[in-house]
Amino acid sequence: MNEELRERLRELKVKQGMNVEKKIAYLLKKEGRGLSRNTITKVIGELGFPLLSNRKKRNRTRYKRFEREKPNELW
């Protein structure tokens, strides 16, 4: 990755704020410089910006288990 692109990432990060890798990827794509969000996050970390995860863990759905006393008791 060249220094010009790194400097553009730095500009966008300072201008846009925190947790905007998706928006930066969109803006770079409009400029004709497509980069993945993972690459953008990696480079932003290398530039010294703090990395914060905006992903929240989803609660797993618990299935309600049941058992009938006899076969075909449901019908």
Protein backbone atom coordinates (compact mmCIF):
# COMPACT_ATOMS: atom_id res chain seq x y z
CA MET A 1 0.00 0.00 0.00
CA ASN A 2 1.48 3.34 -1.00
CA GLU A 3 1.94 6.34 1.28
CA GLU A 4 -0.60 8.43 -0.64
CA LEU A 5 -3.35 5.94 0.18
CA ARG A 6 -2.25 5.73 3.82
CA GLU A 7 -2.41 9.52 4.07
CA ARG A 8 -5.91 9.49 2.52
CA LEU A 9 -6.99 6.92 5.12
CA ARG A 10 -5.58 9.14 7.87
CA GLU A 11 -7.50 12.15 6.51
CA LEU A 12 -10.77 10.24 6.32
CA LYS A 13 -10.35 8.76 9.79
CA VAL A 14 -9.70 12.17 11.36
CA LYS A 15 -12.60 13.72 9.45
CA GLN A 16 -15.14 10.91 10.01
CA GLY A 17 -14.38 9.92 13.61
CA MET A 18 -14.59 6.56 15.37
CA ASN A 19 -15.80 3.21 13.99
CA VAL A 20 -16.35 4.34 10.44
CA GLU A 21 -14.40 1.72 8.50
CA LYS A 22 -17.51 0.83 6.50
CA LYS A 23 -18.05 4.46 5.48
CA ILE A 24 -14.36 4.91 4.64
CA ALA A 25 -14.50 1.79 2.44
CA TYR A 26 -17.52 3.26 0.65
CA LEU A 27 -15.83 6.64 0.11
CA LEU A 28 -12.64 5.02 -1.19
CA LYS A 29 -14.67 2.83 -3.54
CA LYS A 30 -16.32 5.96 -4.95
CA GLU A 31 -12.82 7.35 -5.57
CA GLY A 32 -11.86 4.17 -7.41
CA ARG A 33 -9.63 2.79 -4.64
CA GLY A 34 -11.45 -0.24 -3.34
CA LEU A 35 -10.15 -1.65 -0.07
CA SER A 36 -11.75 -4.16 2.26
CA ARG A 37 -12.91 -3.08 5.71
CA ASN A 38 -10.42 -5.48 7.29
CA THR A 39 -7.54 -3.85 5.43
CA ILE A 40 -8.77 -0.40 6.40
CA THR A 41 -9.03 -1.44 10.06
CA LYS A 42 -5.52 -2.92 9.95
CA VAL A 43 -3.97 0.19 8.40
CA ILE A 44 -5.82 2.51 10.80
CA GLY A 45 -4.36 0.49 13.68
CA GLU A 46 -0.88 0.76 12.15
CA LEU A 47 -1.35 4.53 11.92
CA GLY A 48 -1.80 4.65 15.68
CA PHE A 49 -5.54 5.20 15.96
CA PRO A 50 -7.33 3.28 18.71
CA LEU A 51 -9.42 0.39 17.46
CA LEU A 52 -12.83 -0.12 18.95
CA SER A 53 -15.06 -2.98 18.01
CA ASN A 54 -18.61 -2.00 17.17
CA ARG A 55 -19.79 -5.56 17.00
CA LYS A 56 -22.02 -6.71 19.80
CA LYS A 57 -22.40 -10.33 20.72
CA ARG A 58 -25.82 -11.66 19.92
CA ASN A 59 -27.66 -13.61 22.54
CA ARG A 60 -28.21 -17.16 21.44
CA THR A 61 -31.81 -18.19 21.19
CA ARG A 62 -32.62 -20.91 23.64
CA TYR A 63 -34.93 -23.53 22.29
CA LYS A 64 -37.71 -24.58 24.57
CA ARG A 65 -37.33 -28.29 25.04
CA PHE A 66 -40.22 -30.52 25.88
CA GLU A 67 -40.80 -34.19 26.23
CA ARG A 68 -44.08 -36.04 26.19
CA GLU A 69 -44.76 -38.85 28.60
CA LYS A 70 -45.95 -41.22 25.86
CA PRO A 71 -45.28 -41.44 22.12
CA ASN A 72 -47.77 -39.51 19.95
CA GLU A 73 -49.25 -37.79 22.99
CA LEU A 74 -49.07 -34.50 21.12
CA TRP A 75 -51.66 -35.61 18.55
